Protein backbone atom coordinates (compact mmCIF):
# COMPACT_ATOMS: atom_id res chain seq x y z
CA MET A 1 6.84 14.38 2.78
CA GLU A 2 8.60 16.48 5.36
CA GLN A 3 10.10 14.33 8.05
CA SER A 4 8.85 16.43 10.98
CA ARG A 5 9.75 14.80 14.24
CA ALA A 6 7.74 15.10 17.41
CA SER A 7 9.09 18.56 18.06
CA GLY A 8 8.10 19.68 14.57
CA SER A 9 11.17 21.91 14.56
CA GLU A 10 12.93 20.61 11.46
CA PRO A 11 12.81 22.86 8.39
CA ALA A 12 10.50 21.98 5.54
CA ARG A 13 11.84 20.51 2.35
CA PRO A 14 10.33 20.27 -1.14
CA HIS A 15 7.34 17.97 -1.34
CA PRO A 16 7.78 14.80 -3.41
CA PRO A 17 5.39 14.26 -6.34
CA GLY A 18 1.92 13.13 -5.32
CA GLN A 19 2.31 14.32 -1.73
CA GLY A 20 2.09 17.59 0.12
CA ARG A 21 -0.88 19.70 1.05
CA LEU A 22 -4.36 18.42 0.38
CA PRO A 23 -6.38 19.82 -2.54
CA GLU A 24 -8.21 23.07 -1.88
CA GLN A 25 -11.57 21.29 -1.90
CA ALA A 26 -10.46 18.81 0.75
CA ARG A 27 -9.05 21.57 2.96
CA ALA A 28 -12.25 23.56 2.55
CA GLU A 29 -14.31 20.49 3.43
CA HIS A 30 -12.31 19.96 6.58
CA THR A 31 -12.73 23.55 7.70
CA HIS A 32 -16.42 23.62 6.81
CA SER A 33 -17.06 20.32 8.58
CA GLU A 34 -16.96 22.02 11.96
CA THR A 35 -20.41 23.54 11.35
CA SER A 36 -21.88 21.66 8.36
CA PRO A 37 -24.66 19.05 8.84
CA ALA A 38 -22.64 16.82 6.50
CA ALA A 39 -19.56 17.01 8.72
CA PRO A 40 -19.14 13.23 9.37
CA VAL A 41 -18.97 12.46 5.63
CA ARG A 42 -16.56 15.30 4.85
CA ARG A 43 -14.33 14.52 7.80
CA HIS A 44 -14.16 10.90 6.67
CA SER A 45 -13.16 12.08 3.18
CA VAL A 46 -10.26 14.15 4.57
CA ARG A 47 -9.14 11.28 6.79
CA ARG A 48 -9.18 8.92 3.79
CA GLN A 49 -7.03 11.32 1.76
CA ILE A 50 -4.57 11.75 4.63
CA LEU A 51 -4.38 7.97 5.06
CA ALA A 52 -3.62 7.52 1.36
CA ALA A 53 -0.92 10.20 1.47
CA LEU A 54 0.70 8.67 4.54
CA ARG A 55 0.68 5.21 2.95
CA ASP A 56 2.39 6.64 -0.11
CA ALA A 57 5.03 8.25 2.09
CA LEU A 58 5.65 4.96 3.88
CA VAL A 59 5.94 3.01 0.63
CA THR A 60 8.41 5.48 -0.86
CA GLY A 61 10.41 5.70 2.37
CA ASP A 62 9.65 9.40 2.78
CA LEU A 63 8.54 8.52 6.30
CA THR A 64 11.68 6.93 7.70
CA PRO A 65 11.65 3.69 9.72
CA GLY A 66 12.52 4.40 13.34
CA GLU A 67 11.60 8.10 13.20
CA VAL A 68 8.85 9.65 15.34
CA TYR A 69 6.29 11.99 13.75
CA SER A 70 3.77 14.11 15.60
CA ALA A 71 0.18 14.49 14.42
CA PRO A 72 0.21 18.31 14.81
CA ALA A 73 3.38 18.66 12.72
CA LEU A 74 2.04 16.40 9.99
CA GLY A 75 -1.32 18.17 10.15
CA GLU A 76 0.46 21.49 9.53
CA ARG A 77 2.27 19.83 6.65
CA PHE A 78 -1.07 18.83 5.06
CA GLY A 79 -2.96 21.99 5.98
CA VAL A 80 -5.44 20.24 8.27
CA SER A 81 -5.88 19.84 12.02
CA ALA A 82 -4.15 17.06 13.90
CA THR A 83 -7.39 15.07 14.25
CA PRO A 84 -7.59 13.42 10.78
CA VAL A 85 -3.85 12.77 10.89
CA ARG A 86 -4.18 11.09 14.27
CA GLU A 87 -7.11 9.00 13.03
CA ALA A 88 -5.16 7.92 9.94
CA MET A 89 -2.15 7.05 12.08
CA GLN A 90 -4.36 4.89 14.29
CA GLN A 91 -5.35 2.90 11.20
CA LEU A 92 -1.69 2.53 10.24
CA THR A 93 -1.06 1.27 13.78
CA LEU A 94 -3.58 -1.51 13.17
CA GLU A 95 -1.78 -2.34 9.92
CA GLY A 96 1.54 -2.61 11.74
CA ALA A 97 3.17 0.29 9.91
CA VAL A 98 3.57 2.62 12.91
CA GLU A 99 3.43 2.38 16.69
CA VAL A 100 2.22 4.87 19.28
CA VAL A 101 4.86 6.75 21.28
CA PRO A 102 3.04 8.26 24.29
CA ASN A 103 3.19 12.07 24.47
CA ARG A 104 5.30 12.25 21.31
CA GLY A 105 3.45 10.85 18.31
CA PHE A 106 3.94 7.80 16.10
CA ARG A 107 7.11 5.90 15.28
CA VAL A 108 7.49 4.23 11.89
CA VAL A 109 8.09 0.54 12.60
CA GLU A 110 11.50 -0.81 11.64
CA ARG A 111 10.95 -4.01 9.67
CA GLY A 112 13.54 -6.74 9.41
CA ALA A 113 14.15 -9.31 6.69
CA ALA A 114 13.05 -12.12 9.01
CA GLU A 115 9.64 -10.52 9.57
CA LEU A 116 9.12 -10.02 5.84
CA ALA A 117 10.08 -13.65 5.22
CA GLU A 118 7.50 -14.77 7.78
CA LEU A 119 4.81 -12.67 6.11
CA ALA A 120 5.75 -14.13 2.72
CA GLU A 121 5.42 -17.65 4.11
CA VAL A 122 1.97 -16.96 5.55
CA ARG A 123 0.81 -15.34 2.33
CA ALA A 124 2.02 -18.32 0.32
CA LEU A 125 0.20 -20.75 2.61
CA ILE A 126 -3.03 -18.84 2.06
CA GLU A 127 -2.87 -17.71 -1.54
CA VAL A 128 -1.05 -20.45 -3.46
CA PRO A 129 -3.79 -23.09 -2.91
CA VAL A 130 -6.46 -20.53 -3.83
CA MET A 131 -4.63 -19.56 -7.03
CA LEU A 132 -4.32 -23.22 -8.04
CA ARG A 133 -8.01 -23.83 -7.38
CA LEU A 134 -8.98 -20.78 -9.40
CA ALA A 135 -6.73 -21.89 -12.26
CA ARG A 136 -8.79 -25.07 -12.52
CA SER A 137 -12.22 -23.44 -12.32
CA VAL A 138 -12.22 -19.86 -13.64
CA PRO A 139 -12.87 -19.57 -17.41
CA ALA A 140 -10.28 -17.89 -19.61
CA GLU A 141 -12.51 -14.92 -20.44
CA ARG A 142 -12.72 -13.94 -16.76
CA TRP A 143 -8.94 -13.86 -16.52
CA ALA A 144 -8.78 -11.82 -19.74
CA GLU A 145 -10.95 -9.17 -18.07
CA LEU A 146 -8.06 -8.51 -15.66
CA ARG A 147 -5.63 -7.55 -18.45
CA PRO A 148 -6.29 -3.79 -18.02
CA LEU A 149 -5.34 -4.02 -14.34
CA ALA A 150 -2.09 -5.76 -15.24
CA ALA A 151 -1.44 -3.12 -17.89
CA ALA A 152 -2.04 -0.33 -15.38
CA ALA A 153 0.51 -1.89 -13.02
CA GLY A 154 2.98 -2.09 -15.90
CA ALA A 155 2.47 1.57 -16.75
CA ALA A 156 2.96 2.63 -13.12
CA ALA A 157 6.15 0.58 -12.93
CA ALA A 158 7.47 2.07 -16.15
CA SER A 159 6.96 5.55 -14.71
CA GLY A 160 9.09 4.61 -11.71
CA ASP A 161 6.34 5.67 -9.30
CA ARG A 162 6.58 3.06 -6.56
CA ALA A 163 3.53 4.31 -4.63
CA ALA A 164 1.34 4.23 -7.74
CA TYR A 165 2.66 0.77 -8.60
CA VAL A 166 1.82 -0.59 -5.15
CA GLU A 167 -1.77 0.65 -5.50
CA CYS A 168 -2.12 -0.92 -8.97
CA ASP A 169 -0.59 -4.15 -7.72
CA ARG A 170 -3.01 -4.19 -4.81
CA ALA A 171 -6.01 -3.65 -7.11
CA PHE A 172 -4.87 -6.47 -9.42
CA HIS A 173 -4.51 -9.03 -6.66
CA ARG A 174 -7.73 -8.05 -4.95
CA ALA A 175 -9.49 -8.65 -8.26
CA VAL A 176 -7.80 -12.04 -8.68
CA LEU A 177 -8.72 -13.25 -5.20
CA ALA A 178 -12.24 -11.82 -5.48
CA LEU A 179 -12.91 -14.51 -8.08
CA SER A 180 -12.84 -17.01 -5.22
CA GLY A 181 -16.08 -15.51 -3.91
CA ASN A 182 -14.59 -15.46 -0.40
CA ARG A 183 -14.69 -11.90 0.93
CA GLN A 184 -12.90 -12.82 4.14
CA LEU A 185 -10.02 -14.23 2.11
CA VAL A 186 -9.73 -10.95 0.21
CA VAL A 187 -9.67 -8.95 3.46
CA VAL A 188 -7.06 -11.18 5.14
CA ALA A 189 -4.83 -11.31 2.06
CA ASP A 190 -5.05 -7.55 1.61
CA ASP A 191 -4.04 -6.96 5.22
CA LEU A 192 -1.01 -9.24 4.78
CA ARG A 193 -0.11 -7.38 1.59
CA LEU A 194 -0.23 -4.04 3.39
CA ARG A 195 2.02 -5.37 6.13
CA SER A 196 4.49 -6.63 3.53
CA GLN A 197 4.81 -3.47 1.46
CA TRP A 198 6.53 -1.17 3.96
CA PRO A 199 10.28 -1.02 3.23
CA THR A 200 12.81 -2.24 5.76
CA ALA A 201 15.08 0.20 7.57
CA GLY A 202 17.96 1.30 5.36
CA ALA A 203 16.54 -0.49 2.30
CA PRO A 204 17.31 1.31 -0.97
CA ALA A 205 14.42 2.60 -3.04
CA SER A 206 13.26 0.20 -5.72
CA ARG A 207 14.78 0.89 -9.12
CA ARG A 208 12.49 1.30 -12.11
CA ALA A 209 13.86 -1.89 -13.69
CA GLU A 210 12.90 -3.86 -10.57
CA LEU A 211 9.38 -2.48 -10.66
CA VAL A 212 9.03 -3.27 -14.36
CA ALA A 213 10.23 -6.85 -13.83
CA ASP A 214 7.84 -7.23 -10.91
CA ALA A 215 4.92 -5.88 -12.95
CA ALA A 216 5.66 -8.19 -15.86
CA GLU A 217 4.82 -11.12 -13.62
CA HIS A 218 1.18 -10.00 -13.53
CA SER A 219 0.77 -10.67 -17.25
CA ALA A 220 2.76 -13.89 -16.97
CA LEU A 221 0.49 -15.03 -14.14
CA LEU A 222 -2.62 -14.33 -16.22
CA ASP A 223 -1.12 -16.30 -19.12
CA ALA A 224 -0.49 -19.26 -16.81
CA LEU A 225 -3.96 -19.05 -15.26
CA ILE A 226 -5.62 -18.95 -18.69
CA ALA A 227 -3.54 -21.96 -19.81
CA GLN A 228 -4.27 -23.75 -16.50
CA ASP A 229 -0.53 -24.33 -16.19
CA LEU A 230 -0.49 -25.15 -12.48
CA PRO A 231 3.29 -25.58 -12.03
CA VAL A 232 3.92 -22.16 -13.57
CA VAL A 233 1.18 -20.56 -11.48
CA ARG A 234 2.72 -22.02 -8.32
CA SER A 235 6.21 -20.93 -9.31
CA LEU A 236 5.19 -17.37 -10.25
CA VAL A 237 3.24 -16.77 -7.07
CA ARG A 238 6.01 -18.07 -4.82
CA GLU A 239 8.71 -16.07 -6.66
CA HIS A 240 6.61 -12.94 -6.46
CA PHE A 241 6.20 -13.39 -2.72
CA ALA A 242 9.96 -13.73 -2.41
CA GLY A 243 10.26 -10.32 -4.13
CA GLY A 244 8.04 -8.65 -1.54
CA SER A 245 10.63 -5.92 -0.86
CA VAL A 246 9.83 -4.51 -4.32
CA SER A 247 6.08 -4.48 -4.02
CA SER A 248 3.14 -5.89 -2.19
CA GLY A 249 3.51 -8.84 -4.51
CA PRO A 250 0.89 -11.56 -5.37
């Protein structure tokens, strides 16, 4: 994604894979929404696509920590008005990824190692006990149903696509925690995962080998859960949290 600052004066550069202008249908929906009776639904669809694209750009580091980006400049980049961009950025503000800079736009938050360590500690306090309880109560066939999600994460890691891997990782862990039957737990854990996935300032992009190693832990975790091997479950979850700079981790 083009790193257009508040002035929007920097020249464009080639769009990374998976980013860039919205599909023709989405752009048409946004334009048509100004007069269509179905405008609220279509506008929401555009905003959702912009939010997904911005999250990808944050995960890959294409939106740089510490930089300020204006909604109009990013809207021009995506071929939409500034409104859905501004709405998406407000959501990212709630997630702690960006902060409002009055009269300029949104600054990508600079994360430090200490903050990521604190998030990892909180996530461990919440999720480790739940994982251990699920290991004792969930039948093996239910865990086996999650194999395709683990495989999808492995495939995304093997491709080296960090943004795709983060989404697969998120889907896997939402499915795991959903087995608890506690929807609030899933929401809280997902929010913590989102806050943990943004890279720190100056952090190098994750190498494919790191992603592959991270993804392999999904299958290992399922093996341990099926075997009800509680010490291994505890160890895998804690180690995966410690590797939060690679992914959104378990």
